[in-house]
C-alpha atoms as a PDB file:
ATOM      1  CA  MET A   1      -2.101 -11.678 -52.900  1.00  0.00           C
ATOM      2  CA  SER A   2      -0.929 -13.198 -49.625  1.00  0.00           C
ATOM      3  CA  LEU A   3       2.572 -12.778 -48.247  1.00  0.00           C
ATOM      4  CA  THR A   4       4.936 -15.745 -48.268  1.00  0.00           C
ATOM      5  CA  PRO A   5       6.735 -16.553 -44.986  1.00  0.00           C
ATOM      6  CA  ARG A   6       9.900 -14.846 -46.297  1.00  0.00           C
ATOM      7  CA  GLU A   7       7.978 -11.586 -46.764  1.00  0.00           C
ATOM      8  CA  ILE A   8       6.379 -11.491 -43.296  1.00  0.00           C
ATOM      9  CA  PRO A   9       8.322  -9.125 -41.025  1.00  0.00           C
ATOM     10  CA  THR A  10       9.411 -10.476 -37.673  1.00  0.00           C
ATOM     11  CA  GLY A  11       7.115  -9.074 -34.995  1.00  0.00           C
ATOM     12  CA  ALA A  12       4.036  -8.932 -37.199  1.00  0.00           C
ATOM     13  CA  VAL A  13       0.758  -9.581 -35.367  1.00  0.00           C
ATOM     14  CA  ARG A  14      -2.385 -11.297 -36.684  1.00  0.00           C
ATOM     15  CA  TYR A  15      -5.730 -12.534 -35.428  1.00  0.00           C
ATOM     16  CA  ASN A  16      -6.202 -16.265 -36.115  1.00  0.00           C
ATOM     17  CA  THR A  17      -9.906 -16.817 -36.775  1.00  0.00           C
ATOM     18  CA  ASP A  18      -9.501 -20.594 -36.548  1.00  0.00           C
ATOM     19  CA  THR A  19      -8.151 -20.562 -32.981  1.00  0.00           C
ATOM     20  CA  ASP A  20      -9.705 -17.230 -31.881  1.00  0.00           C
ATOM     21  CA  ARG A  21      -6.257 -16.083 -30.689  1.00  0.00           C
ATOM     22  CA  MET A  22      -3.789 -13.273 -31.339  1.00  0.00           C
ATOM     23  CA  GLU A  23      -0.464 -14.475 -32.794  1.00  0.00           C
ATOM     24  CA  VAL A  24       2.965 -12.928 -33.427  1.00  0.00           C
ATOM     25  CA  TYR A  25       5.425 -13.964 -36.149  1.00  0.00           C
ATOM     26  CA  ILE A  26       8.888 -14.762 -34.711  1.00  0.00           C
ATOM     27  CA  GLY A  27      10.780 -15.295 -37.946  1.00  0.00           C
ATOM     28  CA  SER A  28       9.776 -18.842 -38.805  1.00  0.00           C
ATOM     29  CA  VAL A  29       6.447 -19.598 -37.127  1.00  0.00           C
ATOM     30  CA  TRP A  30       3.392 -17.833 -35.723  1.00  0.00           C
ATOM     31  CA  MET A  31       3.246 -18.033 -31.892  1.00  0.00           C
ATOM     32  CA  GLU A  32       0.168 -17.422 -29.764  1.00  0.00           C
ATOM     33  CA  VAL A  33       0.262 -14.224 -27.689  1.00  0.00           C
ATOM     34  CA  ALA A  34      -0.476 -14.616 -23.982  1.00  0.00           C
ATOM     35  CA  VAL A  35      -2.796 -11.772 -22.952  1.00  0.00           C
ATOM     36  CA  SER A  36      -3.828 -12.863 -19.469  1.00  0.00           C
ATOM     37  CA  THR A  37      -2.334 -11.646 -16.198  1.00  0.00           C
ATOM     38  CA  PRO A  38      -0.456 -14.350 -14.293  1.00  0.00           C
ATOM     39  CA  ASN A  39      -2.483 -15.724 -11.391  1.00  0.00           C
ATOM     40  CA  LEU A  40      -0.248 -15.531  -8.342  1.00  0.00           C
ATOM     41  CA  GLU A  41      -1.388 -18.684  -6.559  1.00  0.00           C
ATOM     42  CA  GLY A  42      -5.004 -17.685  -6.206  1.00  0.00           C
ATOM     43  CA  GLY A  43      -5.140 -13.946  -6.796  1.00  0.00           C
ATOM     44  CA  THR A  44      -4.038 -10.638  -5.294  1.00  0.00           C
ATOM     45  CA  ARG A  45      -1.116 -10.822  -2.899  1.00  0.00           C
ATOM     46  CA  GLY A  46      -0.767  -8.734   0.224  1.00  0.00           C
ATOM     47  CA  LEU A  47       2.597  -8.148   1.896  1.00  0.00           C
ATOM     48  CA  TYR A  48       3.427  -6.758   5.316  1.00  0.00           C
ATOM     49  CA  VAL A  49       6.938  -5.299   5.252  1.00  0.00           C
ATOM     50  CA  ALA A  50       9.158  -4.942   8.353  1.00  0.00           C
ATOM     51  CA  GLY A  51       7.655  -3.410  11.541  1.00  0.00           C
ATOM     52  CA  SER A  52       8.188  -3.535  15.290  1.00  0.00           C
ATOM     53  CA  ASP A  53       8.071  -6.705  17.394  1.00  0.00           C
ATOM     54  CA  VAL A  54       7.840  -6.064  21.141  1.00  0.00           C
ATOM     55  CA  PRO A  55       9.369  -6.964  23.455  1.00  0.00           C
ATOM     56  CA  SER A  56      11.950  -9.049  21.552  1.00  0.00           C
ATOM     57  CA  SER A  57      13.047  -6.501  18.947  1.00  0.00           C
ATOM     58  CA  PRO A  58      12.287  -2.826  18.284  1.00  0.00           C
ATOM     59  CA  THR A  59      12.642  -3.383  14.507  1.00  0.00           C
ATOM     60  CA  THR A  60      12.384  -6.371  12.147  1.00  0.00           C
ATOM     61  CA  ASN A  61      13.071  -7.119   8.482  1.00  0.00           C
ATOM     62  CA  PHE A  62      10.369  -9.792   8.060  1.00  0.00           C
ATOM     63  CA  VAL A  63       8.039  -9.709   5.051  1.00  0.00           C
ATOM     64  CA  ASP A  64       4.788 -11.686   5.510  1.00  0.00           C
ATOM     65  CA  MET A  65       2.532 -12.683   2.603  1.00  0.00           C
ATOM     66  CA  ILE A  66      -1.145 -13.591   2.222  1.00  0.00           C
ATOM     67  CA  THR A  67      -3.346 -14.384  -0.770  1.00  0.00           C
ATOM     68  CA  ILE A  68      -6.205 -11.924  -0.211  1.00  0.00           C
ATOM     69  CA  PRO A  69      -9.132 -13.831  -1.837  1.00  0.00           C
ATOM     70  CA  THR A  70      -8.505 -16.724   0.573  1.00  0.00           C
ATOM     71  CA  GLN A  71      -8.347 -16.928   4.363  1.00  0.00           C
ATOM     72  CA  GLY A  72      -5.551 -18.329   6.484  1.00  0.00           C
ATOM     73  CA  ASP A  73      -2.348 -17.463   8.272  1.00  0.00           C
ATOM     74  CA  ALA A  74       0.344 -15.411   6.570  1.00  0.00           C
ATOM     75  CA  VAL A  75       3.567 -17.076   5.438  1.00  0.00           C
ATOM     76  CA  ASP A  76       7.140 -15.843   5.733  1.00  0.00           C
ATOM     77  CA  PHE A  77       7.799 -14.443   2.228  1.00  0.00           C
ATOM     78  CA  CYS A  78      11.254 -12.811   2.280  1.00  0.00           C
ATOM     79  CA  ASN A  79      13.286 -10.174   4.152  1.00  0.00           C
ATOM     80  CA  ASP A  80      13.208  -6.399   3.835  1.00  0.00           C
ATOM     81  CA  PHE A  81      16.352  -4.521   2.782  1.00  0.00           C
ATOM     82  CA  GLU A  82      16.892  -3.402   6.385  1.00  0.00           C
ATOM     83  CA  ALA A  83      15.241  -3.808   9.778  1.00  0.00           C
ATOM     84  CA  ARG A  84      12.898  -0.848  10.378  1.00  0.00           C
ATOM     85  CA  ARG A  85       9.504   0.305  11.567  1.00  0.00           C
ATOM     86  CA  GLY A  86       7.282   3.200  10.495  1.00  0.00           C
ATOM     87  CA  ASN A  87       7.883   2.471   6.799  1.00  0.00           C
ATOM     88  CA  ARG A  88       4.967   2.770   4.367  1.00  0.00           C
ATOM     89  CA  GLY A  89       4.519   2.682   0.605  1.00  0.00           C
ATOM     90  CA  GLY A  90       2.530   1.503  -2.387  1.00  0.00           C
ATOM     91  CA  ALA A  91       2.701  -0.765  -5.411  1.00  0.00           C
ATOM     92  CA  SER A  92       2.092  -1.426  -9.068  1.00  0.00           C
ATOM     93  CA  ARG A  93       0.730  -4.791 -10.209  1.00  0.00           C
ATOM     94  CA  THR A  94       4.246  -6.234 -10.228  1.00  0.00           C
ATOM     95  CA  ARG A  95       6.392  -4.302  -7.752  1.00  0.00           C
ATOM     96  CA  GLY A  96       5.901  -2.934  -4.237  1.00  0.00           C
ATOM     97  CA  VAL A  97       7.947  -0.112  -2.680  1.00  0.00           C
ATOM     98  CA  THR A  98       8.198   1.023   0.935  1.00  0.00           C
ATOM     99  CA  ALA A  99      10.239   3.895   2.312  1.00  0.00           C
ATOM    100  CA  GLY A 100      11.531   5.534   5.448  1.00  0.00           C
ATOM    101  CA  GLY A 101      10.982   4.474   9.007  1.00  0.00           C
ATOM    102  CA  ALA A 102      13.171   4.137  12.049  1.00  0.00           C
ATOM    103  CA  SER A 103      16.040   1.654  12.039  1.00  0.00           C
ATOM    104  CA  SER A 104      19.315   1.222  13.904  1.00  0.00           C
ATOM    105  CA  HIS A 105      19.751   4.930  13.276  1.00  0.00           C
ATOM    106  CA  PRO A 106      17.232   7.484  14.591  1.00  0.00           C
ATOM    107  CA  ARG A 107      15.463   7.603  11.207  1.00  0.00           C
ATOM    108  CA  SER A 108      15.872   5.892   7.821  1.00  0.00           C
ATOM    109  CA  ASN A 109      15.805   7.343   4.287  1.00  0.00           C
ATOM    110  CA  THR A 110      15.825   3.921   2.583  1.00  0.00           C
ATOM    111  CA  ILE A 111      13.441   3.116  -0.278  1.00  0.00           C
ATOM    112  CA  ALA A 112      13.293  -0.628  -1.010  1.00  0.00           C
ATOM    113  CA  PHE A 113      11.292  -2.739  -3.452  1.00  0.00           C
ATOM    114  CA  VAL A 114       9.981  -6.283  -3.742  1.00  0.00           C
ATOM    115  CA  THR A 115       8.584  -8.209  -6.711  1.00  0.00           C
ATOM    116  CA  PHE A 116       5.232  -9.833  -5.895  1.00  0.00           C
ATOM    117  CA  SER A 117       5.754 -12.882  -8.104  1.00  0.00           C
ATOM    118  CA  THR A 118       8.972 -13.983  -6.382  1.00  0.00           C
ATOM    119  CA  ASP A 119      10.152 -14.467  -2.810  1.00  0.00           C
ATOM    120  CA  GLN A 120      13.447 -12.703  -3.435  1.00  0.00           C
ATOM    121  CA  ASP A 121      14.554 -10.394  -0.624  1.00  0.00           C
ATOM    122  CA  ALA A 122      13.825  -6.677  -0.982  1.00  0.00           C
ATOM    123  CA  GLN A 123      16.359  -4.645  -2.934  1.00  0.00           C
ATOM    124  CA  ASP A 124      17.602  -1.097  -2.624  1.00  0.00           C
ATOM    125  CA  PHE A 125      15.548   1.343  -4.727  1.00  0.00           C
ATOM    126  CA  GLY A 126      17.011   4.720  -3.716  1.00  0.00           C
ATOM    127  CA  ASP A 127      16.673   7.352  -0.999  1.00  0.00           C
ATOM    128  CA  LEU A 128      14.014   9.676   0.357  1.00  0.00           C
ATOM    129  CA  GLY A 129      14.676  13.387   0.350  1.00  0.00           C
ATOM    130  CA  SER A 130      14.886  13.274   4.158  1.00  0.00           C
ATOM    131  CA  SER A 131      15.141  10.583   6.828  1.00  0.00           C
ATOM    132  CA  ARG A 132      11.755  10.046   8.461  1.00  0.00           C
ATOM    133  CA  THR A 133       8.794   7.739   8.931  1.00  0.00           C
ATOM    134  CA  THR A 134       6.181   8.177   6.223  1.00  0.00           C
ATOM    135  CA  ASP A 135       2.773   7.241   4.793  1.00  0.00           C
ATOM    136  CA  GLY A 136       2.233   6.067   1.227  1.00  0.00           C
ATOM    137  CA  ALA A 137      -0.235   6.040  -1.663  1.00  0.00           C
ATOM    138  CA  SER A 138       0.198   4.997  -5.282  1.00  0.00           C
ATOM    139  CA  ASN A 139      -1.282   4.295  -8.675  1.00  0.00           C
ATOM    140  CA  GLN A 140       0.201   1.936 -11.286  1.00  0.00           C
ATOM    141  CA  THR A 141       2.968   4.414 -12.160  1.00  0.00           C
ATOM    142  CA  ARG A 142       3.878   6.534  -9.141  1.00  0.00           C
ATOM    143  CA  CYS A 143       4.221   6.061  -5.410  1.00  0.00           C
ATOM    144  CA  LEU A 144       3.988   9.039  -3.054  1.00  0.00           C
ATOM    145  CA  PHE A 145       5.565   9.170   0.416  1.00  0.00           C
ATOM    146  CA  MET A 146       3.677  11.745   2.459  1.00  0.00           C
ATOM    147  CA  GLY A 147       4.629  13.558   5.634  1.00  0.00           C
ATOM    148  CA  GLY A 148       6.176  11.654   8.503  1.00  0.00           C
ATOM    149  CA  GLU A 149       8.139  12.122  11.686  1.00  0.00           C
ATOM    150  CA  GLY A 150      11.750  13.232  11.366  1.00  0.00           C
ATOM    151  CA  ALA A 151      14.341  14.145  13.929  1.00  0.00           C
ATOM    152  CA  PRO A 152      13.039  16.383  15.288  1.00  0.00           C
ATOM    153  CA  GLY A 153       9.350  16.902  14.559  1.00  0.00           C
ATOM    154  CA  ASN A 154       6.810  16.169  11.837  1.00  0.00           C
ATOM    155  CA  ARG A 155       7.372  16.949   8.158  1.00  0.00           C
ATOM    156  CA  ASP A 156       5.094  18.273   5.391  1.00  0.00           C
ATOM    157  CA  ARG A 157       7.145  16.973   2.443  1.00  0.00           C
ATOM    158  CA  ILE A 158       5.684  14.679  -0.244  1.00  0.00           C
ATOM    159  CA  ASP A 159       8.273  12.642  -2.162  1.00  0.00           C
ATOM    160  CA  ALA A 160       7.466  10.667  -5.331  1.00  0.00           C
ATOM    161  CA  VAL A 161       9.081   7.833  -7.280  1.00  0.00           C
ATOM    162  CA  THR A 162       8.335   6.076 -10.561  1.00  0.00           C
ATOM    163  CA  ILE A 163       7.722   2.502  -9.417  1.00  0.00           C
ATOM    164  CA  ALA A 164       9.072   0.755 -12.528  1.00  0.00           C
ATOM    165  CA  THR A 165      12.491   2.411 -12.207  1.00  0.00           C
ATOM    166  CA  THR A 166      14.968   2.767  -9.384  1.00  0.00           C
ATOM    167  CA  GLY A 167      16.640   5.905  -8.114  1.00  0.00           C
ATOM    168  CA  THR A 168      16.277   8.806  -5.734  1.00  0.00           C
ATOM    169  CA  GLU A 169      12.845  10.417  -5.355  1.00  0.00           C
ATOM    170  CA  PHE A 170      11.705  13.784  -6.660  1.00  0.00           C
ATOM    171  CA  ASP A 171       9.964  16.542  -4.690  1.00  0.00           C
ATOM    172  CA  PHE A 172       6.227  16.305  -5.435  1.00  0.00           C
ATOM    173  CA  GLY A 173       4.880  19.034  -3.126  1.00  0.00           C
ATOM    174  CA  ASP A 174       3.791  19.501   0.486  1.00  0.00           C
ATOM    175  CA  LEU A 175       0.965  18.478   2.770  1.00  0.00           C
ATOM    176  CA  THR A 176      -1.214  21.280   4.102  1.00  0.00           C
ATOM    177  CA  GLY A 177       0.838  21.191   7.311  1.00  0.00           C
ATOM    178  CA  THR A 178       3.484  19.158   9.114  1.00  0.00           C
ATOM    179  CA  ASP A 179       2.011  15.763   9.960  1.00  0.00           C
ATOM    180  CA  SER A 180       2.668  12.071  10.610  1.00  0.00           C
ATOM    181  CA  GLY A 181       0.613   8.946  11.266  1.00  0.00           C
ATOM    182  CA  GLY A 182      -2.201   9.691   8.828  1.00  0.00           C
ATOM    183  CA  ALA A 183      -4.373   7.106   7.066  1.00  0.00           C
ATOM    184  CA  SER A 184      -3.438   7.000   3.377  1.00  0.00           C
ATOM    185  CA  PHE A 185      -5.003   5.378   0.308  1.00  0.00           C
ATOM    186  CA  SER A 186      -5.601   6.117  -3.374  1.00  0.00           C
ATOM    187  CA  SER A 187      -7.802   5.914  -6.434  1.00  0.00           C
ATOM    188  CA  PRO A 188      -6.147   5.696  -9.874  1.00  0.00           C
ATOM    189  CA  THR A 189      -6.053   9.504  -9.986  1.00  0.00           C
ATOM    190  CA  ARG A 190      -5.924  10.788  -6.388  1.00  0.00           C
ATOM    191  CA  GLY A 191      -3.856  10.124  -3.295  1.00  0.00           C
ATOM    192  CA  PHE A 192      -5.471  10.789   0.113  1.00  0.00           C
ATOM    193  CA  TYR A 193      -4.071  11.607   3.551  1.00  0.00           C
ATOM    194  CA  LEU A 194      -6.521  11.698   6.487  1.00  0.00           C
ATOM    195  CA  GLY A 195      -5.901  12.693  10.073  1.00  0.00           C
ATOM    196  CA  GLY A 196      -2.510  12.323  11.710  1.00  0.00           C
ATOM    197  CA  SER A 197      -0.802  13.524  14.844  1.00  0.00           C
ATOM    198  CA  GLY A 198      -0.266  17.051  13.519  1.00  0.00           C
ATOM    199  CA  ASP A 199      -3.804  17.805  12.318  1.00  0.00           C
ATOM    200  CA  THR A 200      -6.013  15.044  13.690  1.00  0.00           C
ATOM    201  CA  ASP A 201      -9.238  15.845  11.799  1.00  0.00           C
ATOM    202  CA  ASN A 202      -7.899  17.111   8.469  1.00  0.00           C
ATOM    203  CA  MET A 203      -8.758  15.470   5.092  1.00  0.00           C
ATOM    204  CA  GLN A 204      -6.530  16.257   2.093  1.00  0.00           C
ATOM    205  CA  PHE A 205      -5.704  14.930  -1.358  1.00  0.00           C
ATOM    206  CA  VAL A 206      -3.292  15.285  -4.275  1.00  0.00           C
ATOM    207  CA  THR A 207      -3.579  14.437  -7.977  1.00  0.00           C
ATOM    208  CA  ILE A 208      -0.983  11.701  -8.470  1.00  0.00           C
ATOM    209  CA  ALA A 209      -0.204  12.356 -12.151  1.00  0.00           C
ATOM    210  CA  SER A 210       0.700  15.991 -11.512  1.00  0.00           C
ATOM    211  CA  GLN A 211       2.949  17.725  -8.989  1.00  0.00           C
ATOM    212  CA  GLY A 212       1.766  20.190  -6.392  1.00  0.00           C
ATOM    213  CA  ASP A 213       0.718  20.726  -2.813  1.00  0.00           C
ATOM    214  CA  ALA A 214      -2.111  18.818  -1.140  1.00  0.00           C
ATOM    215  CA  ARG A 215      -5.565  20.399  -0.918  1.00  0.00           C
ATOM    216  CA  ASP A 216      -8.019  20.333   1.990  1.00  0.00           C
ATOM    217  CA  PHE A 217     -11.475  18.921   1.282  1.00  0.00           C
ATOM    218  CA  GLY A 218     -13.082  18.638   4.713  1.00  0.00           C
ATOM    219  CA  THR A 219     -12.715  17.505   8.298  1.00  0.00           C
ATOM    220  CA  LEU A 220     -13.210  14.135   9.950  1.00  0.00           C
ATOM    221  CA  GLN A 221     -16.233  13.787  12.196  1.00  0.00           C
ATOM    222  CA  ALA A 222     -15.499  13.157  15.870  1.00  0.00           C
ATOM    223  CA  ASP A 223     -15.945   9.364  15.785  1.00  0.00           C
ATOM    224  CA  ALA A 224     -13.373   9.040  12.970  1.00  0.00           C
ATOM    225  CA  VAL A 225     -10.610  11.059  14.661  1.00  0.00           C
ATOM    226  CA  SER A 226      -7.682   8.920  15.827  1.00  0.00           C
ATOM    227  CA  HIS A 227      -4.123   9.167  14.553  1.00  0.00           C
ATOM    228  CA  ASN A 228      -1.779   6.329  13.565  1.00  0.00           C
ATOM    229  CA  ALA A 229      -4.739   4.685  11.834  1.00  0.00           C
ATOM    230  CA  GLY A 230      -4.486   2.465   8.762  1.00  0.00           C
ATOM    231  CA  GLY A 231      -5.921   2.890   5.294  1.00  0.00           C
ATOM    232  CA  PHE A 232      -6.770   0.971   2.105  1.00  0.00           C
ATOM    233  CA  SER A 233      -9.085   1.357  -0.882  1.00  0.00           C
ATOM    234  CA  ASN A 234     -10.638  -0.126  -3.970  1.00  0.00           C
ATOM    235  CA  SER A 235     -11.173   2.110  -7.007  1.00  0.00           C
ATOM    236  CA  THR A 236     -14.302   3.675  -5.477  1.00  0.00           C
ATOM    237  CA  ARG A 237     -14.093   3.684  -1.687  1.00  0.00           C
ATOM    238  CA  GLY A 238     -11.299   4.701   0.664  1.00  0.00           C
ATOM    239  CA  PHE A 239     -11.150   3.330   4.217  1.00  0.00           C
ATOM    240  CA  LYS A 240      -9.677   4.493   7.523  1.00  0.00           C
ATOM    241  CA  PHE A 241      -9.498   2.026  10.427  1.00  0.00           C
ATOM    242  CA  GLY A 242      -8.195   1.693  13.968  1.00  0.00           C
ATOM    243  CA  GLY A 243      -6.061   4.286  15.654  1.00  0.00           C
ATOM    244  CA  TYR A 244      -3.900   5.221  18.582  1.00  0.00           C
ATOM    245  CA  SER A 245      -4.558   8.035  21.057  1.00  0.00           C
ATOM    246  CA  PRO A 246      -7.308   7.141  21.554  1.00  0.00           C
ATOM    247  CA  TYR A 247      -7.267   3.423  20.755  1.00  0.00           C
ATOM    248  CA  SER A 248     -10.023   2.640  18.276  1.00  0.00           C
ATOM    249  CA  ASN A 249     -11.611  -0.340  16.531  1.00  0.00           C
ATOM    250  CA  ALA A 250     -13.753   1.789  14.191  1.00  0.00           C
ATOM    251  CA  ILE A 251     -13.781   1.425  10.390  1.00  0.00           C
ATOM    252  CA  HIS A 252     -14.927   4.397   8.288  1.00  0.00           C
ATOM    253  CA  PHE A 253     -15.170   4.891   4.519  1.00  0.00           C
ATOM    254  CA  MET A 254     -15.624   7.641   1.942  1.00  0.00           C
ATOM    255  CA  THR A 255     -16.410   7.811  -1.779  1.00  0.00           C
ATOM    256  CA  MET A 256     -13.186   9.149  -3.269  1.00  0.00           C
ATOM    257  CA  SER A 257     -14.588  10.633  -6.480  1.00  0.00           C
ATOM    258  CA  THR A 258     -16.963  12.933  -4.601  1.00  0.00           C
ATOM    259  CA  LEU A 259     -14.537  13.964  -1.836  1.00  0.00           C
ATOM    260  CA  GLY A 260     -17.324  13.109   0.569  1.00  0.00           C
ATOM    261  CA  GLU A 261     -17.398  12.715   4.330  1.00  0.00           C
ATOM    262  CA  MET A 262     -16.376   9.547   6.129  1.00  0.00           C
ATOM    263  CA  THR A 263     -19.211   7.158   7.041  1.00  0.00           C
ATOM    264  CA  ASN A 264     -19.144   4.476   9.729  1.00  0.00           C
ATOM    265  CA  PHE A 265     -18.677   1.019   8.177  1.00  0.00           C
ATOM    266  CA  GLY A 266     -18.244  -1.279  11.198  1.00  0.00           C
ATOM    267  CA  ASP A 267     -15.607  -2.404  13.707  1.00  0.00           C
ATOM    268  CA  MET A 268     -12.381  -4.397  13.708  1.00  0.00           C
ATOM    269  CA  THR A 269     -12.260  -7.597  15.764  1.00  0.00           C
ATOM    270  CA  VAL A 270     -10.023  -5.834  18.336  1.00  0.00           C
ATOM    271  CA  ASP A 271      -8.996  -2.220  18.807  1.00  0.00           C
ATOM    272  CA  GLY A 272      -5.506  -0.840  18.287  1.00  0.00           C
ATOM    273  CA  GLY A 273      -3.393   1.552  16.297  1.00  0.00           C
ATOM    274  CA  ILE A 274      -0.027   2.036  14.565  1.00  0.00           C
ATOM    275  CA  THR A 275      -1.532  -0.350  12.041  1.00  0.00           C
ATOM    276  CA  SER A 276      -1.477  -0.786   8.273  1.00  0.00           C
ATOM    277  CA  GLY A 277      -3.805  -2.011   5.523  1.00  0.00           C
ATOM    278  CA  CYS A 278      -3.887  -3.239   1.938  1.00  0.00           C
ATOM    279  CA  SER A 279      -6.564  -4.542  -0.415  1.00  0.00           C
ATOM    280  CA  SER A 280      -7.788  -6.435  -3.442  1.00  0.00           C
ATOM    281  CA  PRO A 281     -10.589  -4.982  -5.603  1.00  0.00           C
ATOM    282  CA  THR A 282     -13.147  -6.514  -3.208  1.00  0.00           C
ATOM    283  CA  ARG A 283     -11.482  -7.096   0.191  1.00  0.00           C
ATOM    284  CA  GLY A 284      -9.731  -4.793   2.624  1.00  0.00           C
ATOM    285  CA  ILE A 285      -7.053  -6.251   4.920  1.00  0.00           C
ATOM    286  CA  MET A 286      -6.078  -4.910   8.364  1.00  0.00           C
ATOM    287  CA  TRP A 287      -2.716  -6.149   9.668  1.00  0.00           C
ATOM    288  CA  GLY A 288      -1.201  -6.006  13.152  1.00  0.00           C
ATOM    289  CA  ARG A 289      -1.837  -3.353  15.772  1.00  0.00           C
ATOM    290  CA  TYR A 290      -0.440  -1.841  18.931  1.00  0.00           C
ATOM    291  CA  LYS A 291      -2.875  -2.179  21.821  1.00  0.00           C
ATOM    292  CA  SER A 292      -1.255  -0.845  24.962  1.00  0.00           C
ATOM    293  CA  PRO A 293       2.290  -0.169  26.226  1.00  0.00           C
ATOM    294  CA  GLY A 294       4.365  -3.256  25.552  1.00  0.00           C
ATOM    295  CA  THR A 295       1.664  -5.323  23.796  1.00  0.00           C
ATOM    296  CA  GLN A 296       0.767  -6.052  20.183  1.00  0.00           C
ATOM    297  CA  ASP A 297      -1.799  -8.078  18.290  1.00  0.00           C
ATOM    298  CA  GLY A 298      -0.819 -10.184  15.274  1.00  0.00           C
ATOM    299  CA  ARG A 299      -4.316 -10.877  13.991  1.00  0.00           C
ATOM    300  CA  ILE A 300      -5.312 -10.138  10.408  1.00  0.00           C
ATOM    301  CA  ASP A 301      -8.866  -8.868   9.803  1.00  0.00           C
ATOM    302  CA  TYR A 302     -10.749  -8.402   6.549  1.00  0.00           C
ATOM    303  CA  ILE A 303     -13.910  -6.757   5.253  1.00  0.00           C
ATOM    304  CA  THR A 304     -15.852  -6.941   1.985  1.00  0.00           C
ATOM    305  CA  MET A 305     -15.671  -3.326   0.852  1.00  0.00           C
ATOM    306  CA  SER A 306     -18.954  -3.212  -1.072  1.00  0.00           C
ATOM    307  CA  THR A 307     -21.028  -3.934   2.042  1.00  0.00           C
ATOM    308  CA  ALA A 308     -21.058  -2.513   5.567  1.00  0.00           C
ATOM    309  CA  GLY A 309     -20.380  -4.661   8.605  1.00  0.00           C
ATOM    310  CA  ASN A 310     -17.824  -5.713  11.169  1.00  0.00           C
ATOM    311  CA  ALA A 311     -14.458  -7.177  10.227  1.00  0.00           C
ATOM    312  CA  ILE A 312     -13.911 -10.937  10.108  1.00  0.00           C
ATOM    313  CA  ASP A 313     -10.853 -12.843  11.321  1.00  0.00           C
ATOM    314  CA  PHE A 314      -8.655 -13.689   8.301  1.00  0.00           C
ATOM    315  CA  GLY A 315      -5.808 -15.436  10.134  1.00  0.00           C
ATOM    316  CA  ASP A 316      -2.589 -14.572  11.957  1.00  0.00           C
ATOM    317  CA  MET A 317       0.664 -12.949  10.896  1.00  0.00           C
ATOM    318  CA  ALA A 318       3.638 -15.264  10.436  1.00  0.00           C
ATOM    319  CA  ASN A 319       5.666 -12.864  12.579  1.00  0.00           C
ATOM    320  CA  PRO A 320       3.335 -10.835  14.858  1.00  0.00           C
ATOM    321  CA  ARG A 321       4.237  -7.145  14.914  1.00  0.00           C
ATOM    322  CA  TYR A 322       2.917  -3.634  14.206  1.00  0.00           C
ATOM    323  CA  ASN A 323       3.993  -0.379  12.513  1.00  0.00           C
ATOM    324  CA  GLY A 324       5.084  -2.034   9.247  1.00  0.00           C
ATOM    325  CA  GLY A 325       4.104  -1.199   5.674  1.00  0.00           C
ATOM    326  CA  ALA A 326       1.239  -3.182   4.087  1.00  0.00           C
ATOM    327  CA  ILE A 327       1.096  -3.237   0.276  1.00  0.00           C
ATOM    328  CA  SER A 328      -0.710  -5.274  -2.403  1.00  0.00           C
ATOM    329  CA  ASN A 329      -0.778  -5.757  -6.169  1.00  0.00           C
ATOM    330  CA  GLY A 330      -4.552  -5.240  -6.402  1.00  0.00           C
ATOM    331  CA  HIS A 331      -5.314  -2.015  -4.518  1.00  0.00           C
ATOM    332  CA  GLY A 332      -7.645   0.788  -5.551  1.00  0.00           C
ATOM    333  CA  GLY A 333      -5.028   2.925  -7.272  1.00  0.00           C
ATOM    334  CA  LEU A 334      -4.432   0.354 -10.020  1.00  0.00           C
END
């Protein structure tokens, strides 16, 4: 015997074979359930948060935005919570977080977040355990802030936050040594930190869902050694690109599940370091770079991660700068 409308509990779910749709009962009528992910004007969004603009300003609060499946110049999206450089972070599918950096004070401990679907200015999330620059990696749930340069010296601390909430971080563990300026990226299970100014050829990883210190898994070959490089990933491959001291235009990749060695992929359109990257499931984006004392390059490059080859010009930043935090809602940790 079927239930009458009075007997159907509010919130009940059914499959309608006539419309081939899931429906939910809201007290008087059955309403179709939307199960698709909103398309943010063409697909995965990439944001470049804050950074340094020379010679006009040592720090900025600009946030640039691109739609990664397309090509074209970035647009001015919103403003960061404070002007800073050396901030890095990660993202879920809905929210991006960046932390640390240098601001009007010697170093910043600010964690700020943005919502990808809106152009609302970044909001305060909480504080890092110490004021420093940092590098970031994340999955859908957690973002890790690894190492960085404090005042004085490099740090080995790894802080973690739960992206969906706000509040002060918790102590996740330590890198294998004090370090800053590494290339960072993630799979859904592992966060990676490669190179850096403290240990230029070291490769290390953590398991994001647990807490604990990073573990070594190899060394970078000579042609992949350059600190202040950028990083990005899809769910399979992790990439390291560019670098400072020495300046580099090289792009290398590794298979994250096997903890394998880095392999040469191709070259960026121009060399430079103190750079940052983000990605969709298919494309890797390389934003901004420092080329020589007092100069910067505001070009945006991209690669198709499944094939090897040189980077292609994507467009230009809305506000050319370097040493900001690039994040996306479609990276390899999701």
